[in-house]
C-alpha atoms as a PDB file:
ATOM      1  CA  MET A   1      32.326   9.787  13.670  1.00  0.00           C
ATOM      2  CA  VAL A   2      34.643  10.740  16.538  1.00  0.00           C
ATOM      3  CA  ALA A   3      37.605   8.475  17.123  1.00  0.00           C
ATOM      4  CA  VAL A   4      38.117   8.269  21.067  1.00  0.00           C
ATOM      5  CA  ARG A   5      41.399   7.071  22.951  1.00  0.00           C
ATOM      6  CA  ASN A   6      40.827   5.660  26.244  1.00  0.00           C
ATOM      7  CA  SER A   7      43.320   3.672  28.439  1.00  0.00           C
ATOM      8  CA  LEU A   8      42.344   0.883  26.221  1.00  0.00           C
ATOM      9  CA  PRO A   9      44.680  -0.704  23.933  1.00  0.00           C
ATOM     10  CA  TYR A  10      42.203  -0.039  20.581  1.00  0.00           C
ATOM     11  CA  ILE A  11      40.440   2.932  19.393  1.00  0.00           C
ATOM     12  CA  VAL A  12      36.757   3.332  19.727  1.00  0.00           C
ATOM     13  CA  ILE A  13      34.830   4.970  16.977  1.00  0.00           C
ATOM     14  CA  ILE A  14      31.647   6.423  17.595  1.00  0.00           C
ATOM     15  CA  CYS A  15      28.970   7.152  14.798  1.00  0.00           C
ATOM     16  CA  TYR A  16      26.800   9.932  16.117  1.00  0.00           C
ATOM     17  CA  THR A  17      24.372   9.292  12.957  1.00  0.00           C
ATOM     18  CA  ASN A  18      23.428   5.783  14.012  1.00  0.00           C
ATOM     19  CA  PHE A  19      24.848   5.790  17.351  1.00  0.00           C
ATOM     20  CA  ILE A  20      27.067   2.908  16.924  1.00  0.00           C
ATOM     21  CA  PHE A  21      30.487   1.985  18.369  1.00  0.00           C
ATOM     22  CA  PHE A  22      33.494   0.630  16.609  1.00  0.00           C
ATOM     23  CA  LEU A  23      36.113  -1.233  18.186  1.00  0.00           C
ATOM     24  CA  GLY A  24      39.218  -0.566  15.893  1.00  0.00           C
ATOM     25  CA  THR A  25      38.850   0.597  12.376  1.00  0.00           C
ATOM     26  CA  VAL A  26      37.691  -2.661  10.350  1.00  0.00           C
ATOM     27  CA  ALA A  27      34.208  -1.999   9.961  1.00  0.00           C
ATOM     28  CA  VAL A  28      34.352   1.579   9.445  1.00  0.00           C
ATOM     29  CA  PRO A  29      34.673   2.091   5.828  1.00  0.00           C
ATOM     30  CA  TYR A  30      31.852  -0.389   5.222  1.00  0.00           C
ATOM     31  CA  HIS A  31      29.819   1.617   7.539  1.00  0.00           C
ATOM     32  CA  ASN A  32      30.534   4.868   5.786  1.00  0.00           C
ATOM     33  CA  TYR A  33      29.621   3.363   2.369  1.00  0.00           C
ATOM     34  CA  GLN A  34      26.044   2.146   3.950  1.00  0.00           C
ATOM     35  CA  LEU A  35      25.618   5.896   4.840  1.00  0.00           C
ATOM     36  CA  LEU A  36      26.236   7.272   1.660  1.00  0.00           C
ATOM     37  CA  MET A  37      23.850   4.615   0.061  1.00  0.00           C
ATOM     38  CA  SER A  38      21.147   4.724   2.544  1.00  0.00           C
ATOM     39  CA  PRO A  39      17.662   5.506   1.574  1.00  0.00           C
ATOM     40  CA  PHE A  40      16.394   9.005   0.655  1.00  0.00           C
ATOM     41  CA  GLU A  41      13.759  10.271   2.816  1.00  0.00           C
ATOM     42  CA  CYS A  42      11.130  12.973   2.363  1.00  0.00           C
ATOM     43  CA  ARG A  43      11.962  15.738   5.028  1.00  0.00           C
ATOM     44  CA  THR A  44       8.019  16.620   4.721  1.00  0.00           C
ATOM     45  CA  CYS A  45       6.293  13.546   5.208  1.00  0.00           C
ATOM     46  CA  GLY A  46       8.792  10.753   6.083  1.00  0.00           C
ATOM     47  CA  LYS A  47       8.338   8.429   2.848  1.00  0.00           C
ATOM     48  CA  ILE A  48      11.604   6.707   2.069  1.00  0.00           C
ATOM     49  CA  TYR A  49      12.853   6.051  -1.230  1.00  0.00           C
ATOM     50  CA  LYS A  50      15.581   3.814  -2.620  1.00  0.00           C
ATOM     51  CA  TYR A  51      16.705   6.510  -5.395  1.00  0.00           C
ATOM     52  CA  LYS A  52      17.127  10.221  -5.242  1.00  0.00           C
ATOM     53  CA  THR A  53      15.105  10.698  -8.674  1.00  0.00           C
ATOM     54  CA  SER A  54      12.085   8.654  -6.959  1.00  0.00           C
ATOM     55  CA  LEU A  55      12.423  11.289  -3.768  1.00  0.00           C
ATOM     56  CA  ASN A  56      12.528  14.080  -6.422  1.00  0.00           C
ATOM     57  CA  LYS A  57       9.373  12.950  -8.458  1.00  0.00           C
ATOM     58  CA  HIS A  58       7.451  12.349  -4.864  1.00  0.00           C
ATOM     59  CA  ILE A  59       8.052  16.041  -4.062  1.00  0.00           C
ATOM     60  CA  LYS A  60       7.475  17.554  -7.333  1.00  0.00           C
ATOM     61  CA  TYR A  61       4.241  15.516  -7.966  1.00  0.00           C
ATOM     62  CA  GLU A  62       2.851  13.836  -4.760  1.00  0.00           C
ATOM     63  CA  CYS A  63       3.885  15.268  -1.319  1.00  0.00           C
ATOM     64  CA  ASN A  64       1.033  17.257   0.086  1.00  0.00           C
ATOM     65  CA  LYS A  65      -0.763  17.587  -3.215  1.00  0.00           C
ATOM     66  CA  GLU A  66      -4.186  16.128  -3.950  1.00  0.00           C
ATOM     67  CA  PRO A  67      -3.960  13.218  -6.627  1.00  0.00           C
ATOM     68  CA  LEU A  68      -5.464  15.179  -9.790  1.00  0.00           C
ATOM     69  CA  PHE A  69      -5.995  11.883 -12.071  1.00  0.00           C
ATOM     70  CA  LEU A  70      -9.417   9.981 -11.621  1.00  0.00           C
ATOM     71  CA  CYS A  71     -10.093   6.633 -13.052  1.00  0.00           C
ATOM     72  CA  PRO A  72     -13.580   7.019 -14.528  1.00  0.00           C
ATOM     73  CA  ILE A  73     -14.465   3.385 -13.600  1.00  0.00           C
ATOM     74  CA  CYS A  74     -13.589   3.035 -10.082  1.00  0.00           C
ATOM     75  CA  ASP A  75     -12.999   6.633  -9.033  1.00  0.00           C
ATOM     76  CA  LYS A  76      -9.341   5.725  -7.877  1.00  0.00           C
ATOM     77  CA  ARG A  77      -7.054   8.491  -7.715  1.00  0.00           C
ATOM     78  CA  PHE A  78      -3.523   8.898  -9.249  1.00  0.00           C
ATOM     79  CA  PHE A  79      -0.653  11.537  -8.761  1.00  0.00           C
ATOM     80  CA  GLN A  80       0.556  11.219 -12.243  1.00  0.00           C
ATOM     81  CA  LYS A  81      -1.318  10.450 -15.588  1.00  0.00           C
ATOM     82  CA  ILE A  82       1.072   7.717 -16.402  1.00  0.00           C
ATOM     83  CA  HIS A  83      -0.236   5.763 -13.332  1.00  0.00           C
ATOM     84  CA  LEU A  84      -3.760   6.257 -14.359  1.00  0.00           C
ATOM     85  CA  LYS A  85      -2.823   4.657 -17.875  1.00  0.00           C
ATOM     86  CA  LYS A  86      -1.337   1.945 -16.322  1.00  0.00           C
ATOM     87  CA  HIS A  87      -4.160   1.284 -14.162  1.00  0.00           C
ATOM     88  CA  LEU A  88      -6.671   1.206 -17.043  1.00  0.00           C
ATOM     89  CA  MET A  89      -4.315  -0.909 -19.337  1.00  0.00           C
ATOM     90  CA  SER A  90      -4.044  -3.546 -16.601  1.00  0.00           C
ATOM     91  CA  SER A  91      -6.432  -6.531 -16.077  1.00  0.00           C
ATOM     92  CA  VAL A  92      -8.517  -4.439 -13.440  1.00  0.00           C
ATOM     93  CA  HIS A  93     -10.792  -2.884 -16.100  1.00  0.00           C
ATOM     94  CA  ARG A  94     -10.201  -4.806 -18.983  1.00  0.00           C
ATOM     95  CA  LYS A  95     -12.847  -7.621 -20.302  1.00  0.00           C
ATOM     96  CA  SER A  96     -11.562 -10.729 -20.977  1.00  0.00           C
ATOM     97  CA  ALA A  97     -11.902 -12.865 -24.064  1.00  0.00           C
ATOM     98  CA  SER A  98     -14.947 -14.679 -22.628  1.00  0.00           C
ATOM     99  CA  GLY A  99     -16.762 -11.303 -22.301  1.00  0.00           C
ATOM    100  CA  VAL A 100     -16.294 -11.224 -18.435  1.00  0.00           C
ATOM    101  CA  TYR A 101     -14.706  -8.642 -15.724  1.00  0.00           C
ATOM    102  CA  ARG A 102     -12.424 -10.252 -13.162  1.00  0.00           C
ATOM    103  CA  CYS A 103     -11.785  -9.001  -9.710  1.00  0.00           C
ATOM    104  CA  PRO A 104      -8.091  -8.196  -9.444  1.00  0.00           C
ATOM    105  CA  LYS A 105      -7.791  -9.727  -5.869  1.00  0.00           C
ATOM    106  CA  CYS A 106      -9.958 -12.663  -5.950  1.00  0.00           C
ATOM    107  CA  ASN A 107     -10.510 -13.382  -9.645  1.00  0.00           C
ATOM    108  CA  LYS A 108     -14.361 -13.157  -9.176  1.00  0.00           C
ATOM    109  CA  LYS A 109     -16.090 -12.979 -12.472  1.00  0.00           C
ATOM    110  CA  TYR A 110     -18.707 -10.088 -13.340  1.00  0.00           C
ATOM    111  CA  LYS A 111     -20.616  -9.115 -16.371  1.00  0.00           C
ATOM    112  CA  HIS A 112     -20.266  -5.229 -15.820  1.00  0.00           C
ATOM    113  CA  PRO A 113     -17.142  -3.251 -14.647  1.00  0.00           C
ATOM    114  CA  ASN A 114     -19.548  -1.829 -11.767  1.00  0.00           C
ATOM    115  CA  SER A 115     -20.142  -5.148 -10.297  1.00  0.00           C
ATOM    116  CA  VAL A 116     -16.616  -5.341  -9.763  1.00  0.00           C
ATOM    117  CA  LYS A 117     -16.182  -1.823  -8.411  1.00  0.00           C
ATOM    118  CA  ASN A 118     -19.124  -2.419  -5.844  1.00  0.00           C
ATOM    119  CA  HIS A 119     -17.637  -6.107  -5.109  1.00  0.00           C
ATOM    120  CA  LEU A 120     -14.172  -4.179  -4.459  1.00  0.00           C
ATOM    121  CA  LYS A 121     -15.677  -1.776  -2.209  1.00  0.00           C
ATOM    122  CA  ASN A 122     -18.035  -3.947  -0.463  1.00  0.00           C
ATOM    123  CA  GLU A 123     -17.148  -7.633  -0.412  1.00  0.00           C
ATOM    124  CA  CYS A 124     -13.476  -8.246  -1.516  1.00  0.00           C
ATOM    125  CA  GLY A 125     -11.307  -8.631   1.824  1.00  0.00           C
ATOM    126  CA  VAL A 126     -13.859  -6.861   3.655  1.00  0.00           C
ATOM    127  CA  GLU A 127     -15.076  -8.208   7.132  1.00  0.00           C
ATOM    128  CA  PRO A 128     -18.710  -8.994   7.284  1.00  0.00           C
ATOM    129  CA  ARG A 129     -20.419  -6.293   9.396  1.00  0.00           C
ATOM    130  CA  PHE A 130     -24.115  -7.268   9.299  1.00  0.00           C
ATOM    131  CA  GLN A 131     -25.100 -10.119  11.516  1.00  0.00           C
ATOM    132  CA  CYS A 132     -28.215 -12.068  11.917  1.00  0.00           C
ATOM    133  CA  CYS A 133     -29.821 -11.759  15.124  1.00  0.00           C
ATOM    134  CA  LEU A 134     -31.230 -15.161  15.378  1.00  0.00           C
ATOM    135  CA  CYS A 135     -28.572 -17.259  14.005  1.00  0.00           C
ATOM    136  CA  PHE A 136     -25.823 -15.117  13.980  1.00  0.00           C
ATOM    137  CA  GLN A 137     -24.644 -15.409  10.922  1.00  0.00           C
ATOM    138  CA  LYS A 138     -22.810 -12.552   9.223  1.00  0.00           C
ATOM    139  CA  PHE A 139     -23.123 -10.849   6.009  1.00  0.00           C
ATOM    140  CA  ARG A 140     -20.733  -8.276   4.127  1.00  0.00           C
ATOM    141  CA  GLN A 141     -24.016  -6.479   2.538  1.00  0.00           C
ATOM    142  CA  LYS A 142     -27.135  -5.367   4.151  1.00  0.00           C
ATOM    143  CA  ILE A 143     -29.170  -6.610   1.409  1.00  0.00           C
ATOM    144  CA  CYS A 144     -27.762 -10.197   2.083  1.00  0.00           C
ATOM    145  CA  LEU A 145     -28.874  -9.942   5.396  1.00  0.00           C
ATOM    146  CA  LYS A 146     -32.141  -8.937   4.496  1.00  0.00           C
ATOM    147  CA  ARG A 147     -32.313 -11.753   1.871  1.00  0.00           C
ATOM    148  CA  HIS A 148     -31.251 -14.353   4.426  1.00  0.00           C
ATOM    149  CA  LEU A 149     -34.209 -12.936   7.075  1.00  0.00           C
ATOM    150  CA  ILE A 150     -36.721 -13.619   4.362  1.00  0.00           C
ATOM    151  CA  ASN A 151     -35.554 -16.968   3.342  1.00  0.00           C
ATOM    152  CA  ARG A 152     -34.331 -18.757   6.477  1.00  0.00           C
ATOM    153  CA  HIS A 153     -36.401 -17.174   9.240  1.00  0.00           C
ATOM    154  CA  ASN A 154     -39.803 -15.992   7.640  1.00  0.00           C
ATOM    155  CA  ASP A 155     -42.306 -17.857   9.350  1.00  0.00           C
ATOM    156  CA  ASN A 156     -45.029 -16.901   6.690  1.00  0.00           C
END
């Protein structure tokens, strides 16, 4: 910061870090505190962290590295083993007491974990890509469009 005296009756303080001008000195101590407590940014990839320890973990385990830990059920990858364990222990892959697997996003029920995996990959939150050329109804999966064509538009 630089204090500049002009012909003005007060001091103008310029912060070259944030390019802010202060008239007088009342707000300067608080501004300096904010600069000290500012988020921690990775110089390599630009990710921002609230705590220095989080940035250090990011640099050590994640930045410019491939995730090493693979979920055996859904093929999701993790940088740290603890994150894979948390993922596996979460409701994503646990069978409920009623013997069904639920989608973590929409709560839809399935009998098999692979069905949830396919649902997450092809349906849940995915815009329909396949359109019927006769009635313009849209489908998320090609097989659903084929079934629709046979059931609705088959002239036999």
